[in-house]
Amino acid sequence: MATKASPGTPRTEQQAAGRRAARVGVQIARQVQRVTAVTHEVTMRDVLFKCCFVPRPPPGEEEHGGDMAANHKKFLIFFDFDETIINENSDNSVVRAAPGQKLPAWLRDTYREGHYNEYMGRVLSYMGDQGVREEGLRTIIEKIPVSPGVPSIFSLLRAHHDLFEVVLISDSNMYVIETWLQAAGLRQLFRCILTNPASFDARGYLVLKPYHTHACQRCPANMCKQKIVSEYLRQRQEERAGRPFDKLFYVGDGANDFCPSVIFGPADTVFPRHDYPMHKLIKEMQQSQPGSFKATVVPWQSGEVIATYLKTFLDR
C-alpha cells in the first residue's frame, strides 16, 4: 500500500508548483484575451473606416492645411445614396446590364430577408458568368438619374464648403457609388464614403463584400448605419481635439436610415424622403412614443426643400 505524502515532500512541492503554474497560466490567458479584445476593437475601427477617402481640400483651403480646415467645420451632413442622391435603387439598376435585363427565377428565389448583400454577391457572380464586365456596368451606372432637386443641395454645400463636412453612407457598394459620383462631378464634395467594399477580381467579375458585422436587430446582417454613424462621430471628435460638430443633418429614405436617426438630438435635423420607409418609421415612433424621437424632421419630395431649409438655417 502506498504511503500518503506529507507536507514538505518533493511530491507535494511539485503539486504546489503545478498549481502555481496553472494559476499563472490562467492569468496569462486572461491577459491575452484582453489584449485580443482591444486589438479586435482597434482592427474593427480601422475596418469600419477603411473606405474613407479625404479628397484634396477645396480651393482656398490649401494654404491653411486641408486637415486643419476640415477639423474646424461646424456642421456634418450624412447622405444615403440609393433613392436619396439617385432616384433608383442601384442594385436594381445594375441588373439592366444582365442578359435580357433580368435575372432568372432560381436566382431571385435565393434571397433571404436581412441578407441582401449576400444575394447581390450571387447576382454579380451570375452576371460575371454571363460575360458582364466593368464597361457594361459603368455604362448603366453613369446613366442612373439624380433625385429631383438634389443638385440644389450640392450647389449650396459647395458654396459653403467651409462650414459643412459631407459624408455618404450607403448599403450599395463602393464601385457603384464612386463611378456615379465621378461621372456626376461630385466626388470631391464628399469627405468620406462608408459603404460595402466592391472590386473586380482577376476574372473581371465585380466582387461584393459586407461592410461589417453587428448585433442590431433592425438592420441587415452586413450593415448597421447607427453603429457606423456612432463610430464615425466618435472618431471625428477625437480628431477634432474633443470638439463635436455644432449640428448634424441626415438625408435618407430607407428603413436602414431610420436606425441612425434615432440617436440624433434636439439640435439636429433629419430629412426623410416623404412617405418612404424612413419617414413612415419616424411617424410611427412619434405616434407610439411621443417625445422619443428628438431630432427635427423635415420630409422632402424634392431636394429643393432641403436646400431651402439649409439656406434659411445659414441665414439666421
C-alpha atoms as a PDB file:
ATOM      1  CA  MET A   1       0.000   0.000   0.000  1.00  0.00           C
ATOM      2  CA  ALA A   2       1.387   3.383  -0.900  1.00  0.00           C
ATOM      3  CA  THR A   3       2.229   5.835   1.846  1.00  0.00           C
ATOM      4  CA  LYS A   4       0.318   9.201   1.718  1.00  0.00           C
ATOM      5  CA  ALA A   5       2.756  12.007   1.111  1.00  0.00           C
ATOM      6  CA  SER A   6       3.165  14.505   3.926  1.00  0.00           C
ATOM      7  CA  PRO A   7       3.651  18.288   3.538  1.00  0.00           C
ATOM      8  CA  GLY A   8       7.162  19.212   2.507  1.00  0.00           C
ATOM      9  CA  THR A   9       7.888  16.097   0.495  1.00  0.00           C
ATOM     10  CA  PRO A  10       9.120  16.538  -3.110  1.00  0.00           C
ATOM     11  CA  ARG A  11       5.822  15.248  -4.486  1.00  0.00           C
ATOM     12  CA  THR A  12       3.810  17.853  -2.534  1.00  0.00           C
ATOM     13  CA  GLU A  13       6.143  20.604  -3.631  1.00  0.00           C
ATOM     14  CA  GLN A  14       5.735  19.510  -7.233  1.00  0.00           C
ATOM     15  CA  GLN A  15       1.947  19.593  -6.847  1.00  0.00           C
ATOM     16  CA  ALA A  16       2.099  23.080  -5.318  1.00  0.00           C
ATOM     17  CA  ALA A  17       4.357  24.252  -8.119  1.00  0.00           C
ATOM     18  CA  GLY A  18       1.952  22.755 -10.613  1.00  0.00           C
ATOM     19  CA  ARG A  19      -0.957  24.633  -9.038  1.00  0.00           C
ATOM     20  CA  ARG A  20       1.002  27.918  -9.125  1.00  0.00           C
ATOM     21  CA  ALA A  21       1.891  27.357 -12.765  1.00  0.00           C
ATOM     22  CA  ALA A  22      -1.758  26.675 -13.544  1.00  0.00           C
ATOM     23  CA  ARG A  23      -2.809  29.933 -11.857  1.00  0.00           C
ATOM     24  CA  VAL A  24      -0.166  31.869 -13.796  1.00  0.00           C
ATOM     25  CA  GLY A  25      -1.356  30.187 -16.974  1.00  0.00           C
ATOM     26  CA  VAL A  26      -4.929  31.305 -16.306  1.00  0.00           C
ATOM     27  CA  GLN A  27      -3.764  34.872 -15.631  1.00  0.00           C
ATOM     28  CA  ILE A  28      -1.748  34.925 -18.850  1.00  0.00           C
ATOM     29  CA  ALA A  29      -4.707  33.539 -20.801  1.00  0.00           C
ATOM     30  CA  ARG A  30      -6.940  36.303 -19.404  1.00  0.00           C
ATOM     31  CA  GLN A  31      -4.382  38.942 -20.329  1.00  0.00           C
ATOM     32  CA  VAL A  32      -4.170  37.529 -23.840  1.00  0.00           C
ATOM     33  CA  GLN A  33      -7.972  37.648 -24.111  1.00  0.00           C
ATOM     34  CA  ARG A  34      -7.985  41.294 -23.012  1.00  0.00           C
ATOM     35  CA  VAL A  35      -5.224  42.209 -25.460  1.00  0.00           C
ATOM     36  CA  THR A  36      -7.006  40.285 -28.227  1.00  0.00           C
ATOM     37  CA  ALA A  37     -10.257  42.111 -27.471  1.00  0.00           C
ATOM     38  CA  VAL A  38      -8.542  45.506 -27.605  1.00  0.00           C
ATOM     39  CA  THR A  39      -6.728  44.553 -30.810  1.00  0.00           C
ATOM     40  CA  HIS A  40     -10.013  43.375 -32.337  1.00  0.00           C
ATOM     41  CA  GLU A  41     -11.692  46.633 -31.350  1.00  0.00           C
ATOM     42  CA  VAL A  42      -8.929  48.699 -32.942  1.00  0.00           C
ATOM     43  CA  THR A  43      -8.916  46.466 -36.029  1.00  0.00           C
ATOM     44  CA  MET A  44     -12.688  46.742 -36.385  1.00  0.00           C
ATOM     45  CA  ARG A  45     -12.479  50.517 -36.047  1.00  0.00           C
ATOM     46  CA  ASP A  46      -9.874  50.587 -38.811  1.00  0.00           C
ATOM     47  CA  VAL A  47     -12.016  48.279 -40.950  1.00  0.00           C
ATOM     48  CA  LEU A  48     -15.078  50.467 -40.426  1.00  0.00           C
ATOM     49  CA  PHE A  49     -13.336  53.439 -41.967  1.00  0.00           C
ATOM     50  CA  LYS A  50     -11.051  51.750 -44.467  1.00  0.00           C
ATOM     51  CA  CYS A  51     -13.254  53.145 -47.232  1.00  0.00           C
ATOM     52  CA  CYS A  52     -12.891  56.724 -46.022  1.00  0.00           C
ATOM     53  CA  PHE A  53     -11.196  58.974 -48.515  1.00  0.00           C
ATOM     54  CA  VAL A  54     -10.200  62.542 -47.722  1.00  0.00           C
ATOM     55  CA  PRO A  55     -10.158  64.450 -51.025  1.00  0.00           C
ATOM     56  CA  ARG A  56      -7.952  67.379 -51.827  1.00  0.00           C
ATOM     57  CA  PRO A  57      -9.116  70.498 -49.968  1.00  0.00           C
ATOM     58  CA  PRO A  58     -11.315  72.857 -51.979  1.00  0.00           C
ATOM     59  CA  PRO A  59      -9.702  75.972 -53.472  1.00  0.00           C
ATOM     60  CA  GLY A  60      -8.823  78.444 -50.747  1.00  0.00           C
ATOM     61  CA  GLU A  61      -8.195  75.853 -48.049  1.00  0.00           C
ATOM     62  CA  GLU A  62      -4.794  74.597 -49.242  1.00  0.00           C
ATOM     63  CA  GLU A  63      -2.831  77.420 -47.645  1.00  0.00           C
ATOM     64  CA  HIS A  64      -4.391  76.702 -44.260  1.00  0.00           C
ATOM     65  CA  GLY A  65      -3.918  72.947 -44.490  1.00  0.00           C
ATOM     66  CA  GLY A  66      -6.773  70.672 -45.612  1.00  0.00           C
ATOM     67  CA  ASP A  67      -6.979  68.581 -42.439  1.00  0.00           C
ATOM     68  CA  MET A  68      -6.934  71.615 -40.174  1.00  0.00           C
ATOM     69  CA  ALA A  69      -9.678  73.292 -42.212  1.00  0.00           C
ATOM     70  CA  ALA A  70     -11.786  70.122 -42.168  1.00  0.00           C
ATOM     71  CA  ASN A  71     -11.456  69.871 -38.399  1.00  0.00           C
ATOM     72  CA  HIS A  72     -12.897  73.368 -37.985  1.00  0.00           C
ATOM     73  CA  LYS A  73     -16.086  72.774 -39.964  1.00  0.00           C
ATOM     74  CA  LYS A  74     -19.169  73.398 -37.854  1.00  0.00           C
ATOM     75  CA  PHE A  75     -21.734  71.061 -39.385  1.00  0.00           C
ATOM     76  CA  LEU A  76     -21.824  67.425 -40.502  1.00  0.00           C
ATOM     77  CA  ILE A  77     -24.304  66.161 -43.066  1.00  0.00           C
ATOM     78  CA  PHE A  78     -24.826  62.485 -43.971  1.00  0.00           C
ATOM     79  CA  PHE A  79     -26.358  61.365 -47.265  1.00  0.00           C
ATOM     80  CA  ASP A  80     -27.761  57.986 -48.216  1.00  0.00           C
ATOM     81  CA  PHE A  81     -27.258  57.048 -51.875  1.00  0.00           C
ATOM     82  CA  ASP A  82     -29.991  54.790 -53.302  1.00  0.00           C
ATOM     83  CA  GLU A  83     -33.311  56.622 -53.772  1.00  0.00           C
ATOM     84  CA  THR A  84     -31.828  59.626 -51.999  1.00  0.00           C
ATOM     85  CA  ILE A  85     -28.988  61.046 -54.077  1.00  0.00           C
ATOM     86  CA  ILE A  86     -30.002  58.898 -57.046  1.00  0.00           C
ATOM     87  CA  ASN A  87     -33.622  58.276 -57.946  1.00  0.00           C
ATOM     88  CA  GLU A  88     -33.305  54.491 -58.220  1.00  0.00           C
ATOM     89  CA  ASN A  89     -32.074  51.509 -56.251  1.00  0.00           C
ATOM     90  CA  SER A  90     -28.622  50.970 -57.762  1.00  0.00           C
ATOM     91  CA  ASP A  91     -28.797  47.201 -57.181  1.00  0.00           C
ATOM     92  CA  ASN A  92     -31.843  47.108 -59.442  1.00  0.00           C
ATOM     93  CA  SER A  93     -30.137  49.425 -61.903  1.00  0.00           C
ATOM     94  CA  VAL A  94     -27.080  47.225 -62.470  1.00  0.00           C
ATOM     95  CA  VAL A  95     -29.343  44.285 -63.338  1.00  0.00           C
ATOM     96  CA  ARG A  96     -30.062  46.127 -66.595  1.00  0.00           C
ATOM     97  CA  ALA A  97     -26.583  45.043 -67.659  1.00  0.00           C
ATOM     98  CA  ALA A  98     -27.616  41.371 -67.411  1.00  0.00           C
ATOM     99  CA  PRO A  99     -28.746  39.411 -70.484  1.00  0.00           C
ATOM    100  CA  GLY A 100     -32.357  40.368 -71.193  1.00  0.00           C
ATOM    101  CA  GLN A 101     -32.060  42.957 -68.390  1.00  0.00           C
ATOM    102  CA  LYS A 102     -33.466  40.475 -65.883  1.00  0.00           C
ATOM    103  CA  LEU A 103     -32.428  37.664 -63.557  1.00  0.00           C
ATOM    104  CA  PRO A 104     -33.572  34.028 -63.696  1.00  0.00           C
ATOM    105  CA  ALA A 105     -36.218  32.965 -61.193  1.00  0.00           C
ATOM    106  CA  TRP A 106     -33.924  30.423 -59.498  1.00  0.00           C
ATOM    107  CA  LEU A 107     -31.514  33.245 -58.626  1.00  0.00           C
ATOM    108  CA  ARG A 108     -34.217  35.611 -57.390  1.00  0.00           C
ATOM    109  CA  ASP A 109     -35.545  32.832 -55.163  1.00  0.00           C
ATOM    110  CA  THR A 110     -32.241  32.640 -53.245  1.00  0.00           C
ATOM    111  CA  TYR A 111     -32.893  35.945 -51.488  1.00  0.00           C
ATOM    112  CA  ARG A 112     -33.283  35.770 -47.687  1.00  0.00           C
ATOM    113  CA  GLU A 113     -34.679  38.602 -45.564  1.00  0.00           C
ATOM    114  CA  GLY A 114     -31.870  40.605 -43.989  1.00  0.00           C
ATOM    115  CA  HIS A 115     -29.200  39.112 -46.258  1.00  0.00           C
ATOM    116  CA  TYR A 116     -29.464  41.269 -49.368  1.00  0.00           C
ATOM    117  CA  ASN A 117     -25.707  41.828 -49.534  1.00  0.00           C
ATOM    118  CA  GLU A 118     -25.144  38.071 -49.872  1.00  0.00           C
ATOM    119  CA  TYR A 119     -27.864  37.911 -52.517  1.00  0.00           C
ATOM    120  CA  MET A 120     -26.289  40.738 -54.552  1.00  0.00           C
ATOM    121  CA  GLY A 121     -22.969  38.918 -54.349  1.00  0.00           C
ATOM    122  CA  ARG A 122     -24.616  35.968 -56.095  1.00  0.00           C
ATOM    123  CA  VAL A 123     -26.259  38.303 -58.620  1.00  0.00           C
ATOM    124  CA  LEU A 124     -22.918  39.873 -59.546  1.00  0.00           C
ATOM    125  CA  SER A 125     -21.286  36.450 -59.793  1.00  0.00           C
ATOM    126  CA  TYR A 126     -24.067  35.302 -62.142  1.00  0.00           C
ATOM    127  CA  MET A 127     -23.657  38.430 -64.249  1.00  0.00           C
ATOM    128  CA  GLY A 128     -19.928  37.747 -64.445  1.00  0.00           C
ATOM    129  CA  ASP A 129     -20.688  34.224 -65.635  1.00  0.00           C
ATOM    130  CA  GLN A 130     -22.862  35.786 -68.353  1.00  0.00           C
ATOM    131  CA  GLY A 131     -19.967  37.897 -69.605  1.00  0.00           C
ATOM    132  CA  VAL A 132     -20.875  41.208 -67.943  1.00  0.00           C
ATOM    133  CA  ARG A 133     -17.711  43.213 -67.302  1.00  0.00           C
ATOM    134  CA  GLU A 134     -16.808  46.667 -65.994  1.00  0.00           C
ATOM    135  CA  GLU A 135     -17.589  48.555 -69.196  1.00  0.00           C
ATOM    136  CA  GLY A 136     -21.141  47.211 -69.282  1.00  0.00           C
ATOM    137  CA  LEU A 137     -21.740  48.035 -65.624  1.00  0.00           C
ATOM    138  CA  ARG A 138     -20.219  51.508 -65.902  1.00  0.00           C
ATOM    139  CA  THR A 139     -22.429  52.393 -68.864  1.00  0.00           C
ATOM    140  CA  ILE A 140     -25.545  51.585 -66.825  1.00  0.00           C
ATOM    141  CA  ILE A 141     -24.358  53.247 -63.607  1.00  0.00           C
ATOM    142  CA  GLU A 142     -23.416  56.555 -65.210  1.00  0.00           C
ATOM    143  CA  LYS A 143     -26.953  56.890 -66.614  1.00  0.00           C
ATOM    144  CA  ILE A 144     -28.767  56.491 -63.271  1.00  0.00           C
ATOM    145  CA  PRO A 145     -30.824  59.674 -62.762  1.00  0.00           C
ATOM    146  CA  VAL A 146     -30.273  62.004 -59.828  1.00  0.00           C
ATOM    147  CA  SER A 147     -33.232  62.539 -57.478  1.00  0.00           C
ATOM    148  CA  PRO A 148     -35.349  65.658 -58.061  1.00  0.00           C
ATOM    149  CA  GLY A 149     -33.844  68.816 -56.636  1.00  0.00           C
ATOM    150  CA  VAL A 150     -30.759  67.142 -55.167  1.00  0.00           C
ATOM    151  CA  PRO A 151     -28.325  69.158 -57.336  1.00  0.00           C
ATOM    152  CA  SER A 152     -29.579  72.264 -55.496  1.00  0.00           C
ATOM    153  CA  ILE A 153     -28.364  70.794 -52.195  1.00  0.00           C
ATOM    154  CA  PHE A 154     -24.928  70.100 -53.620  1.00  0.00           C
ATOM    155  CA  SER A 155     -24.679  73.598 -55.093  1.00  0.00           C
ATOM    156  CA  LEU A 156     -25.378  75.074 -51.656  1.00  0.00           C
ATOM    157  CA  LEU A 157     -22.881  72.752 -49.947  1.00  0.00           C
ATOM    158  CA  ARG A 158     -20.202  73.676 -52.472  1.00  0.00           C
ATOM    159  CA  ALA A 159     -20.844  77.345 -51.775  1.00  0.00           C
ATOM    160  CA  HIS A 160     -20.421  76.709 -48.046  1.00  0.00           C
ATOM    161  CA  HIS A 161     -17.703  74.056 -48.113  1.00  0.00           C
ATOM    162  CA  ASP A 162     -16.003  75.839 -45.233  1.00  0.00           C
ATOM    163  CA  LEU A 163     -18.950  75.048 -42.939  1.00  0.00           C
ATOM    164  CA  PHE A 164     -20.085  71.533 -43.896  1.00  0.00           C
ATOM    165  CA  GLU A 165     -18.374  68.165 -43.707  1.00  0.00           C
ATOM    166  CA  VAL A 166     -20.200  65.867 -46.128  1.00  0.00           C
ATOM    167  CA  VAL A 167     -20.307  62.072 -45.716  1.00  0.00           C
ATOM    168  CA  LEU A 168     -22.004  59.406 -47.818  1.00  0.00           C
ATOM    169  CA  ILE A 169     -23.288  56.284 -46.019  1.00  0.00           C
ATOM    170  CA  SER A 170     -24.895  53.574 -48.103  1.00  0.00           C
ATOM    171  CA  ASP A 171     -25.710  49.879 -48.347  1.00  0.00           C
ATOM    172  CA  SER A 172     -24.877  49.993 -52.058  1.00  0.00           C
ATOM    173  CA  ASN A 173     -21.189  49.438 -52.832  1.00  0.00           C
ATOM    174  CA  MET A 174     -18.005  51.397 -53.418  1.00  0.00           C
ATOM    175  CA  TYR A 175     -17.683  50.715 -57.141  1.00  0.00           C
ATOM    176  CA  VAL A 176     -21.218  51.844 -57.980  1.00  0.00           C
ATOM    177  CA  ILE A 177     -21.031  54.967 -55.821  1.00  0.00           C
ATOM    178  CA  GLU A 178     -17.556  56.047 -56.928  1.00  0.00           C
ATOM    179  CA  THR A 179     -18.450  55.503 -60.585  1.00  0.00           C
ATOM    180  CA  TRP A 180     -21.659  57.539 -60.366  1.00  0.00           C
ATOM    181  CA  LEU A 181     -20.134  60.378 -58.336  1.00  0.00           C
ATOM    182  CA  GLN A 182     -17.154  60.689 -60.683  1.00  0.00           C
ATOM    183  CA  ALA A 183     -19.447  60.851 -63.713  1.00  0.00           C
ATOM    184  CA  ALA A 184     -21.604  63.482 -61.985  1.00  0.00           C
ATOM    185  CA  GLY A 185     -18.570  65.542 -60.947  1.00  0.00           C
ATOM    186  CA  LEU A 186     -19.441  65.210 -57.256  1.00  0.00           C
ATOM    187  CA  ARG A 187     -16.710  63.013 -55.795  1.00  0.00           C
ATOM    188  CA  GLN A 188     -14.685  65.866 -54.283  1.00  0.00           C
ATOM    189  CA  LEU A 189     -17.702  67.072 -52.306  1.00  0.00           C
ATOM    190  CA  PHE A 190     -17.625  64.045 -50.005  1.00  0.00           C
ATOM    191  CA  ARG A 191     -15.006  63.679 -47.302  1.00  0.00           C
ATOM    192  CA  CYS A 192     -15.847  60.031 -46.801  1.00  0.00           C
ATOM    193  CA  ILE A 193     -17.824  57.191 -48.375  1.00  0.00           C
ATOM    194  CA  LEU A 194     -18.943  54.480 -45.949  1.00  0.00           C
ATOM    195  CA  THR A 195     -20.266  51.522 -47.911  1.00  0.00           C
ATOM    196  CA  ASN A 196     -19.740  47.877 -48.814  1.00  0.00           C
ATOM    197  CA  PRO A 197     -16.379  47.121 -50.476  1.00  0.00           C
ATOM    198  CA  ALA A 198     -16.544  46.028 -54.113  1.00  0.00           C
ATOM    199  CA  SER A 199     -13.801  45.476 -56.660  1.00  0.00           C
ATOM    200  CA  PHE A 200     -13.056  43.485 -59.798  1.00  0.00           C
ATOM    201  CA  ASP A 201     -11.182  40.204 -59.480  1.00  0.00           C
ATOM    202  CA  ALA A 202      -8.777  38.626 -61.941  1.00  0.00           C
ATOM    203  CA  ARG A 203     -11.674  37.240 -63.974  1.00  0.00           C
ATOM    204  CA  GLY A 204     -13.224  40.680 -64.396  1.00  0.00           C
ATOM    205  CA  TYR A 205     -16.121  39.856 -62.029  1.00  0.00           C
ATOM    206  CA  LEU A 206     -17.325  42.554 -59.620  1.00  0.00           C
ATOM    207  CA  VAL A 207     -16.971  41.001 -56.151  1.00  0.00           C
ATOM    208  CA  LEU A 208     -19.081  42.411 -53.322  1.00  0.00           C
ATOM    209  CA  LYS A 209     -18.240  42.089 -49.610  1.00  0.00           C
ATOM    210  CA  PRO A 210     -20.104  43.022 -46.415  1.00  0.00           C
ATOM    211  CA  TYR A 211     -19.167  46.234 -44.639  1.00  0.00           C
ATOM    212  CA  HIS A 212     -19.008  44.798 -41.105  1.00  0.00           C
ATOM    213  CA  THR A 213     -20.866  42.657 -38.563  1.00  0.00           C
ATOM    214  CA  HIS A 214     -23.127  43.915 -35.787  1.00  0.00           C
ATOM    215  CA  ALA A 215     -25.809  42.899 -33.300  1.00  0.00           C
ATOM    216  CA  CYS A 216     -28.583  45.315 -34.332  1.00  0.00           C
ATOM    217  CA  GLN A 217     -31.928  43.589 -34.841  1.00  0.00           C
ATOM    218  CA  ARG A 218     -33.278  46.359 -37.082  1.00  0.00           C
ATOM    219  CA  CYS A 219     -30.645  46.238 -39.788  1.00  0.00           C
ATOM    220  CA  PRO A 220     -29.438  43.820 -42.493  1.00  0.00           C
ATOM    221  CA  ALA A 221     -26.607  41.491 -41.469  1.00  0.00           C
ATOM    222  CA  ASN A 222     -23.895  43.386 -43.368  1.00  0.00           C
ATOM    223  CA  MET A 223     -24.559  46.949 -42.215  1.00  0.00           C
ATOM    224  CA  CYS A 224     -25.975  48.899 -39.281  1.00  0.00           C
ATOM    225  CA  LYS A 225     -25.849  52.586 -40.083  1.00  0.00           C
ATOM    226  CA  GLN A 226     -26.397  53.551 -36.446  1.00  0.00           C
ATOM    227  CA  LYS A 227     -23.209  51.721 -35.486  1.00  0.00           C
ATOM    228  CA  ILE A 228     -21.317  53.318 -38.362  1.00  0.00           C
ATOM    229  CA  VAL A 229     -22.551  56.837 -37.568  1.00  0.00           C
ATOM    230  CA  SER A 230     -21.770  56.417 -33.861  1.00  0.00           C
ATOM    231  CA  GLU A 231     -18.243  55.209 -34.633  1.00  0.00           C
ATOM    232  CA  TYR A 232     -17.676  57.990 -37.155  1.00  0.00           C
ATOM    233  CA  LEU A 233     -18.815  60.692 -34.720  1.00  0.00           C
ATOM    234  CA  ARG A 234     -16.577  59.275 -32.015  1.00  0.00           C
ATOM    235  CA  GLN A 235     -13.570  59.143 -34.334  1.00  0.00           C
ATOM    236  CA  ARG A 236     -14.095  62.647 -35.691  1.00  0.00           C
ATOM    237  CA  GLN A 237     -14.498  64.097 -32.206  1.00  0.00           C
ATOM    238  CA  GLU A 238     -11.139  62.590 -31.263  1.00  0.00           C
ATOM    239  CA  GLU A 239      -9.562  64.026 -34.414  1.00  0.00           C
ATOM    240  CA  ARG A 240     -11.126  67.420 -33.629  1.00  0.00           C
ATOM    241  CA  ALA A 241      -9.460  67.538 -30.192  1.00  0.00           C
ATOM    242  CA  GLY A 242     -12.663  66.590 -28.397  1.00  0.00           C
ATOM    243  CA  ARG A 243     -14.863  69.163 -30.131  1.00  0.00           C
ATOM    244  CA  PRO A 244     -18.140  67.802 -31.544  1.00  0.00           C
ATOM    245  CA  PHE A 245     -19.946  69.270 -34.537  1.00  0.00           C
ATOM    246  CA  ASP A 246     -22.411  72.039 -33.716  1.00  0.00           C
ATOM    247  CA  LYS A 247     -25.214  70.353 -35.639  1.00  0.00           C
ATOM    248  CA  LEU A 248     -25.865  67.124 -37.511  1.00  0.00           C
ATOM    249  CA  PHE A 249     -28.021  66.569 -40.587  1.00  0.00           C
ATOM    250  CA  TYR A 250     -29.105  63.294 -42.204  1.00  0.00           C
ATOM    251  CA  VAL A 251     -30.708  62.844 -45.640  1.00  0.00           C
ATOM    252  CA  GLY A 252     -32.206  59.421 -46.372  1.00  0.00           C
ATOM    253  CA  ASP A 253     -35.177  57.342 -47.384  1.00  0.00           C
ATOM    254  CA  GLY A 254     -34.946  53.725 -46.195  1.00  0.00           C
ATOM    255  CA  ALA A 255     -35.549  51.726 -43.038  1.00  0.00           C
ATOM    256  CA  ASN A 256     -31.805  51.461 -42.502  1.00  0.00           C
ATOM    257  CA  ASP A 257     -31.675  55.287 -42.464  1.00  0.00           C
ATOM    258  CA  PHE A 258     -34.201  55.329 -39.622  1.00  0.00           C
ATOM    259  CA  CYS A 259     -31.829  53.379 -37.366  1.00  0.00           C
ATOM    260  CA  PRO A 260     -29.132  56.095 -37.126  1.00  0.00           C
ATOM    261  CA  SER A 261     -31.691  58.891 -36.969  1.00  0.00           C
ATOM    262  CA  VAL A 262     -32.930  57.769 -33.532  1.00  0.00           C
ATOM    263  CA  ILE A 263     -29.603  58.779 -31.924  1.00  0.00           C
ATOM    264  CA  PHE A 264     -29.781  62.343 -33.245  1.00  0.00           C
ATOM    265  CA  GLY A 265     -30.585  65.036 -30.684  1.00  0.00           C
ATOM    266  CA  PRO A 266     -32.875  68.089 -30.460  1.00  0.00           C
ATOM    267  CA  ALA A 267     -30.253  70.319 -32.111  1.00  0.00           C
ATOM    268  CA  ASP A 268     -30.092  68.049 -35.188  1.00  0.00           C
ATOM    269  CA  THR A 269     -32.256  67.711 -38.305  1.00  0.00           C
ATOM    270  CA  VAL A 270     -33.179  64.652 -40.360  1.00  0.00           C
ATOM    271  CA  PHE A 271     -34.598  64.790 -43.878  1.00  0.00           C
ATOM    272  CA  PRO A 272     -36.594  61.606 -44.658  1.00  0.00           C
ATOM    273  CA  ARG A 273     -37.904  61.263 -48.191  1.00  0.00           C
ATOM    274  CA  HIS A 274     -41.657  61.818 -47.986  1.00  0.00           C
ATOM    275  CA  ASP A 275     -43.694  58.653 -47.471  1.00  0.00           C
ATOM    276  CA  TYR A 276     -40.683  56.351 -47.865  1.00  0.00           C
ATOM    277  CA  PRO A 277     -39.856  53.781 -45.125  1.00  0.00           C
ATOM    278  CA  MET A 278     -37.665  56.150 -43.086  1.00  0.00           C
ATOM    279  CA  HIS A 279     -40.441  58.734 -42.936  1.00  0.00           C
ATOM    280  CA  LYS A 280     -43.084  56.138 -42.060  1.00  0.00           C
ATOM    281  CA  LEU A 281     -40.980  54.659 -39.254  1.00  0.00           C
ATOM    282  CA  ILE A 282     -40.328  58.110 -37.778  1.00  0.00           C
ATOM    283  CA  LYS A 283     -44.053  58.880 -37.797  1.00  0.00           C
ATOM    284  CA  GLU A 284     -44.817  55.523 -36.158  1.00  0.00           C
ATOM    285  CA  MET A 285     -42.282  56.236 -33.406  1.00  0.00           C
ATOM    286  CA  GLN A 286     -43.624  59.736 -32.867  1.00  0.00           C
ATOM    287  CA  GLN A 287     -47.146  58.361 -32.509  1.00  0.00           C
ATOM    288  CA  SER A 288     -46.363  55.328 -30.352  1.00  0.00           C
ATOM    289  CA  GLN A 289     -43.681  57.001 -28.199  1.00  0.00           C
ATOM    290  CA  PRO A 290     -44.355  60.758 -28.154  1.00  0.00           C
ATOM    291  CA  GLY A 291     -41.236  62.780 -27.484  1.00  0.00           C
ATOM    292  CA  SER A 292     -38.857  59.857 -28.001  1.00  0.00           C
ATOM    293  CA  PHE A 293     -37.693  60.974 -31.451  1.00  0.00           C
ATOM    294  CA  LYS A 294     -35.555  64.014 -30.665  1.00  0.00           C
ATOM    295  CA  ALA A 295     -34.375  65.467 -33.967  1.00  0.00           C
ATOM    296  CA  THR A 296     -36.279  67.974 -36.101  1.00  0.00           C
ATOM    297  CA  VAL A 297     -37.964  66.163 -39.012  1.00  0.00           C
ATOM    298  CA  VAL A 298     -38.215  67.791 -42.456  1.00  0.00           C
ATOM    299  CA  PRO A 299     -39.750  65.457 -45.089  1.00  0.00           C
ATOM    300  CA  TRP A 300     -38.831  66.074 -48.700  1.00  0.00           C
ATOM    301  CA  GLN A 301     -40.113  65.174 -52.154  1.00  0.00           C
ATOM    302  CA  SER A 302     -37.610  67.425 -53.885  1.00  0.00           C
ATOM    303  CA  GLY A 303     -34.110  68.285 -52.761  1.00  0.00           C
ATOM    304  CA  GLU A 304     -35.132  71.923 -53.165  1.00  0.00           C
ATOM    305  CA  VAL A 305     -36.874  71.564 -49.787  1.00  0.00           C
ATOM    306  CA  ILE A 306     -33.576  70.581 -48.150  1.00  0.00           C
ATOM    307  CA  ALA A 307     -31.595  73.300 -49.923  1.00  0.00           C
ATOM    308  CA  THR A 308     -34.125  75.936 -48.843  1.00  0.00           C
ATOM    309  CA  TYR A 309     -34.064  74.689 -45.246  1.00  0.00           C
ATOM    310  CA  LEU A 310     -30.258  74.778 -45.117  1.00  0.00           C
ATOM    311  CA  LYS A 311     -30.119  78.239 -46.683  1.00  0.00           C
ATOM    312  CA  THR A 312     -32.646  79.563 -44.160  1.00  0.00           C
ATOM    313  CA  PHE A 313     -30.680  77.955 -41.347  1.00  0.00           C
ATOM    314  CA  LEU A 314     -27.436  79.584 -42.507  1.00  0.00           C
ATOM    315  CA  ASP A 315     -29.094  82.995 -42.931  1.00  0.00           C
ATOM    316  CA  ARG A 316     -30.268  83.150 -39.299  1.00  0.00           C
END
